[in-house]
């Protein structure tokens, strides 16, 4: 198997990044630095990337999790907070989240051990739409809706136009569906902050055509082959 594919399938990074690490002398084969991009990894070869020995690539697995509030989307946390991956109790593969979902946001999170897939799906250039349900702390004015739909400044960056549908709009709170095609850090919360509103609850319910559906908080399921192929297609 070609070296960059071997590294990517081990969940270390994308093929392109693997090539960059190889050229930089960060990859060793059987104890010797390897800068040969086309190296064909054989059974018995010991591959070390940035000091980390990687074994034979695992079979790729793909899961959807309904992440509850309070769980973080990194595999390790110095503060000891619970991680999303810890909820996949019967999954033996070394999976990691695709993209981010902050601790106070619940909902759809994809996890995999396929580094190339994860990098492609999460890359901002691919613009896979993400759908959220947000509850905010006040009535939403028509001006605020117009701003959200046409782009707001979230600290020196103007967001792309978003689809915003009102579900309920009371005098003291509102519930909305918002669909964005980019993934800046805490973007939805920052968009509402830009129009003077605070998000009280936030749930991601879809990525493209992939729906959270009736999956309960803390529960997970395998993605179907068709769902995996759909996400791969959307990320090209």
Protein backbone atom coordinates (compact mmCIF):
# COMPACT_ATOMS: atom_id res chain seq x y z
CA UNK A 1 0.00 0.00 0.00
CA UNK A 2 1.33 3.46 -0.90
CA UNK A 3 2.79 5.21 2.14
CA UNK A 4 0.47 8.22 2.18
CA UNK A 5 -2.60 5.99 1.94
CA UNK A 6 -1.26 3.76 4.73
CA UNK A 7 -0.83 6.76 7.02
CA UNK A 8 -4.24 8.23 6.11
CA UNK A 9 -6.05 4.94 6.67
CA UNK A 10 -4.44 4.70 10.08
CA UNK A 11 -6.34 7.90 10.95
CA UNK A 12 -3.23 10.05 11.35
CA UNK A 13 -3.93 12.70 8.70
CA UNK A 14 -4.91 13.20 5.06
CA UNK A 15 -2.81 11.79 2.19
CA UNK A 16 -1.61 15.28 1.29
CA UNK A 17 -0.49 15.96 4.86
CA UNK A 18 1.20 12.53 4.94
CA UNK A 19 3.23 13.52 1.88
CA UNK A 20 4.22 16.77 3.58
CA UNK A 21 5.35 14.90 6.70
CA UNK A 22 7.32 12.46 4.56
CA UNK A 23 9.10 15.25 2.68
CA UNK A 24 9.89 16.91 6.03
CA UNK A 25 11.60 13.76 7.31
CA UNK A 26 8.93 13.06 9.93
CA UNK A 27 8.29 9.50 8.73
CA UNK A 28 10.49 6.51 9.47
CA UNK A 29 10.26 3.03 7.95
CA UNK A 30 11.98 0.28 9.93
CA UNK A 31 14.00 2.84 11.86
CA UNK A 32 15.23 4.89 8.88
CA UNK A 33 13.86 8.24 7.69
CA UNK A 34 11.85 7.77 4.51
CA UNK A 35 11.35 10.68 2.11
CA UNK A 36 10.14 8.48 -0.76
CA UNK A 37 6.55 9.56 -1.41
CA UNK A 38 5.74 6.49 -3.47
CA UNK A 39 7.09 3.98 -0.96
CA UNK A 40 5.03 0.77 -0.96
CA UNK A 41 4.43 -0.37 2.63
CA UNK A 42 4.86 -4.13 3.00
CA UNK A 43 3.71 -6.56 5.70
CA UNK A 44 6.23 -6.36 8.51
CA UNK A 45 7.24 -2.76 7.88
CA UNK A 46 7.28 -0.60 11.00
CA UNK A 47 5.98 2.89 10.19
CA UNK A 48 6.61 5.75 12.62
CA UNK A 49 5.05 9.21 12.09
CA UNK A 50 6.18 12.08 14.31
CA UNK A 51 7.51 9.55 16.81
CA UNK A 52 4.24 7.57 16.87
CA UNK A 53 4.34 3.97 15.68
CA UNK A 54 1.29 3.11 13.62
CA UNK A 55 0.11 -0.40 13.03
CA UNK A 56 -1.70 -1.97 10.14
CA UNK A 57 -4.62 0.30 9.19
CA UNK A 58 -7.90 -0.66 10.79
CA UNK A 59 -11.00 -1.31 8.77
CA UNK A 60 -12.75 2.01 8.31
CA UNK A 61 -15.84 2.58 10.43
CA UNK A 62 -18.32 5.47 10.39
CA UNK A 63 -20.77 6.38 13.15
CA UNK A 64 -23.37 9.02 13.91
CA UNK A 65 -23.68 10.08 17.56
CA UNK A 66 -26.30 12.26 19.21
CA UNK A 67 -23.86 14.13 21.42
CA UNK A 68 -25.37 15.33 24.70
CA UNK A 69 -24.55 18.70 26.25
CA UNK A 70 -21.40 18.58 28.39
CA UNK A 71 -19.32 16.29 26.20
CA UNK A 72 -16.33 17.65 24.30
CA UNK A 73 -15.20 16.66 20.80
CA UNK A 74 -11.52 16.05 21.51
CA UNK A 75 -10.29 12.59 22.42
CA UNK A 76 -8.35 13.80 25.46
CA UNK A 77 -8.99 16.68 27.83
CA UNK A 78 -6.60 18.04 30.42
CA UNK A 79 -9.56 19.24 32.50
CA UNK A 80 -10.99 15.73 32.73
CA UNK A 81 -14.26 16.56 30.98
CA UNK A 82 -16.17 13.65 29.36
CA UNK A 83 -15.46 13.08 25.68
CA UNK A 84 -17.86 12.22 22.89
CA UNK A 85 -15.79 9.17 21.95
CA UNK A 86 -16.29 7.70 25.44
CA UNK A 87 -19.98 7.20 24.59
CA UNK A 88 -19.15 4.64 21.87
CA UNK A 89 -18.74 1.92 24.46
CA UNK A 90 -18.69 -1.12 22.16
CA UNK A 91 -16.55 0.38 19.37
CA UNK A 92 -13.02 -1.03 19.47
CA UNK A 93 -11.64 1.07 16.57
CA UNK A 94 -9.79 4.28 17.48
CA UNK A 95 -12.39 6.77 16.23
CA UNK A 96 -12.33 10.55 16.38
CA UNK A 97 -14.91 13.29 15.69
CA UNK A 98 -15.30 14.84 12.26
CA UNK A 99 -15.28 18.59 12.85
CA UNK A 100 -16.29 20.35 16.05
CA UNK A 101 -19.37 20.62 18.25
CA UNK A 102 -18.80 22.67 21.40
CA UNK A 103 -19.54 21.28 24.85
CA UNK A 104 -22.78 23.26 25.25
CA UNK A 105 -24.15 22.17 21.87
CA UNK A 106 -25.88 18.84 21.40
CA UNK A 107 -26.77 16.80 18.36
CA UNK A 108 -25.37 15.15 15.27
CA UNK A 109 -21.68 14.29 15.37
CA UNK A 110 -19.92 11.99 12.91
CA UNK A 111 -17.06 9.83 14.20
CA UNK A 112 -14.66 7.70 12.17
CA UNK A 113 -11.15 6.28 11.97
CA UNK A 114 -10.84 7.33 8.32
CA UNK A 115 -8.54 10.36 8.36
CA UNK A 116 -8.90 11.13 4.67
CA UNK A 117 -12.71 11.04 4.88
CA UNK A 118 -12.70 13.23 8.01
CA UNK A 119 -10.46 15.87 6.47
CA UNK A 120 -12.54 15.98 3.29
CA UNK A 121 -15.90 16.26 5.06
CA UNK A 122 -14.71 18.86 7.58
CA UNK A 123 -12.78 21.02 5.12
CA UNK A 124 -14.43 24.48 4.89
CA UNK A 125 -14.16 24.58 1.09
CA UNK A 126 -16.73 21.81 0.70
CA UNK A 127 -19.63 23.72 2.28
CA UNK A 128 -21.74 20.80 3.47
CA UNK A 129 -24.81 22.48 4.95
CA UNK A 130 -25.37 22.05 8.68
CA UNK A 131 -28.82 22.49 10.22
CA UNK A 132 -29.34 23.63 13.81
CA UNK A 133 -32.30 24.26 16.07
CA UNK A 134 -31.62 27.24 18.33
CA UNK A 135 -33.53 28.64 21.31
CA UNK A 136 -32.64 32.27 22.05
CA UNK A 137 -33.36 34.54 24.98
CA UNK A 138 -35.62 37.16 23.41
CA UNK A 139 -38.06 38.02 20.65
CA UNK A 140 -36.36 38.10 17.23
CA UNK A 141 -37.01 41.23 15.21
CA UNK A 142 -37.42 41.34 11.44
CA UNK A 143 -34.19 43.33 11.24
CA UNK A 144 -32.32 40.62 13.14
CA UNK A 145 -33.75 37.96 10.82
CA UNK A 146 -32.69 39.95 7.77
CA UNK A 147 -29.15 40.30 9.13
CA UNK A 148 -28.84 36.59 9.96
CA UNK A 149 -30.10 35.63 6.52
CA UNK A 150 -27.75 37.98 4.69
CA UNK A 151 -24.58 37.65 6.75
CA UNK A 152 -23.31 39.23 9.97
CA UNK A 153 -19.89 40.27 11.23
CA UNK A 154 -18.58 37.80 13.83
CA UNK A 155 -15.34 39.48 14.74
CA UNK A 156 -13.88 40.66 11.47
CA UNK A 157 -15.48 37.96 9.35
CA UNK A 158 -18.82 38.32 7.58
CA UNK A 159 -20.73 35.06 7.46
CA UNK A 160 -22.23 33.74 4.26
CA UNK A 161 -26.01 34.07 3.82
CA UNK A 162 -27.88 31.56 5.97
CA UNK A 163 -31.31 29.99 5.77
CA UNK A 164 -33.24 30.99 8.89
CA UNK A 165 -36.77 29.72 9.55
CA UNK A 166 -38.83 30.87 12.52
CA UNK A 167 -40.42 28.07 14.56
CA UNK A 168 -41.75 30.15 17.48
CA UNK A 169 -41.30 33.83 18.34
CA UNK A 170 -42.58 34.89 21.75
CA UNK A 171 -42.04 38.10 23.70
CA UNK A 172 -39.38 36.52 25.94
CA UNK A 173 -37.79 33.83 23.74
CA UNK A 174 -37.72 32.37 20.25
CA UNK A 175 -36.98 29.08 18.52
CA UNK A 176 -35.45 28.98 15.06
CA UNK A 177 -34.00 26.64 12.48
CA UNK A 178 -30.75 27.92 11.00
CA UNK A 179 -28.82 26.34 8.13
CA UNK A 180 -25.22 27.39 7.48
CA UNK A 181 -22.66 26.24 4.92
CA UNK A 182 -19.48 27.05 6.83
CA UNK A 183 -18.03 26.03 10.18
CA UNK A 184 -16.32 28.85 12.02
CA UNK A 185 -15.71 28.26 15.71
CA UNK A 186 -19.00 28.71 17.65
CA UNK A 187 -20.43 30.28 14.52
CA UNK A 188 -24.16 30.00 15.23
CA UNK A 189 -23.78 31.39 18.75
CA UNK A 190 -21.63 34.25 17.46
CA UNK A 191 -24.13 35.04 14.72
CA UNK A 192 -26.91 35.47 17.26
CA UNK A 193 -24.61 37.49 19.53
CA UNK A 194 -23.99 39.81 16.56
CA UNK A 195 -27.72 40.68 16.48
CA UNK A 196 -28.02 41.08 20.26
CA UNK A 197 -29.34 37.63 21.14
CA UNK A 198 -28.01 34.87 23.39
CA UNK A 199 -28.39 31.20 22.50
CA UNK A 200 -29.90 29.23 25.37
CA UNK A 201 -30.04 25.85 23.62
CA UNK A 202 -28.44 24.66 20.41
CA UNK A 203 -28.79 21.32 18.66
CA UNK A 204 -27.36 20.19 15.33
CA UNK A 205 -29.99 18.08 13.61
CA UNK A 206 -28.56 17.53 10.10
CA UNK A 207 -25.45 17.63 7.93
CA UNK A 208 -26.54 17.87 4.33
CA UNK A 209 -29.16 15.14 3.84
CA UNK A 210 -27.89 13.20 6.87
CA UNK A 211 -30.55 13.56 9.56
CA UNK A 212 -30.27 13.00 13.32
CA UNK A 213 -33.84 11.69 13.29
CA UNK A 214 -35.00 9.86 16.41
CA UNK A 215 -31.55 8.95 17.70
CA UNK A 216 -31.64 9.60 21.44
CA UNK A 217 -29.03 11.72 23.26
CA UNK A 218 -25.98 9.59 24.02
CA UNK A 219 -26.97 6.97 21.44
CA UNK A 220 -25.12 6.18 18.23
CA UNK A 221 -25.44 4.07 15.11
CA UNK A 222 -23.34 3.05 12.12
CA UNK A 223 -23.69 5.10 8.98
CA UNK A 224 -25.01 3.09 6.06
CA UNK A 225 -22.75 2.60 3.01
CA UNK A 226 -25.09 4.93 1.10
CA UNK A 227 -24.70 7.65 3.76
CA UNK A 228 -20.92 7.33 3.69
CA UNK A 229 -20.84 7.54 -0.10
CA UNK A 230 -23.17 10.56 0.00
CA UNK A 231 -20.84 12.43 2.38
CA UNK A 232 -17.82 11.51 0.29
CA UNK A 233 -19.61 12.84 -2.78
CA UNK A 234 -20.60 16.08 -1.06
CA UNK A 235 -17.03 16.68 0.09
CA UNK A 236 -15.48 16.57 -3.40
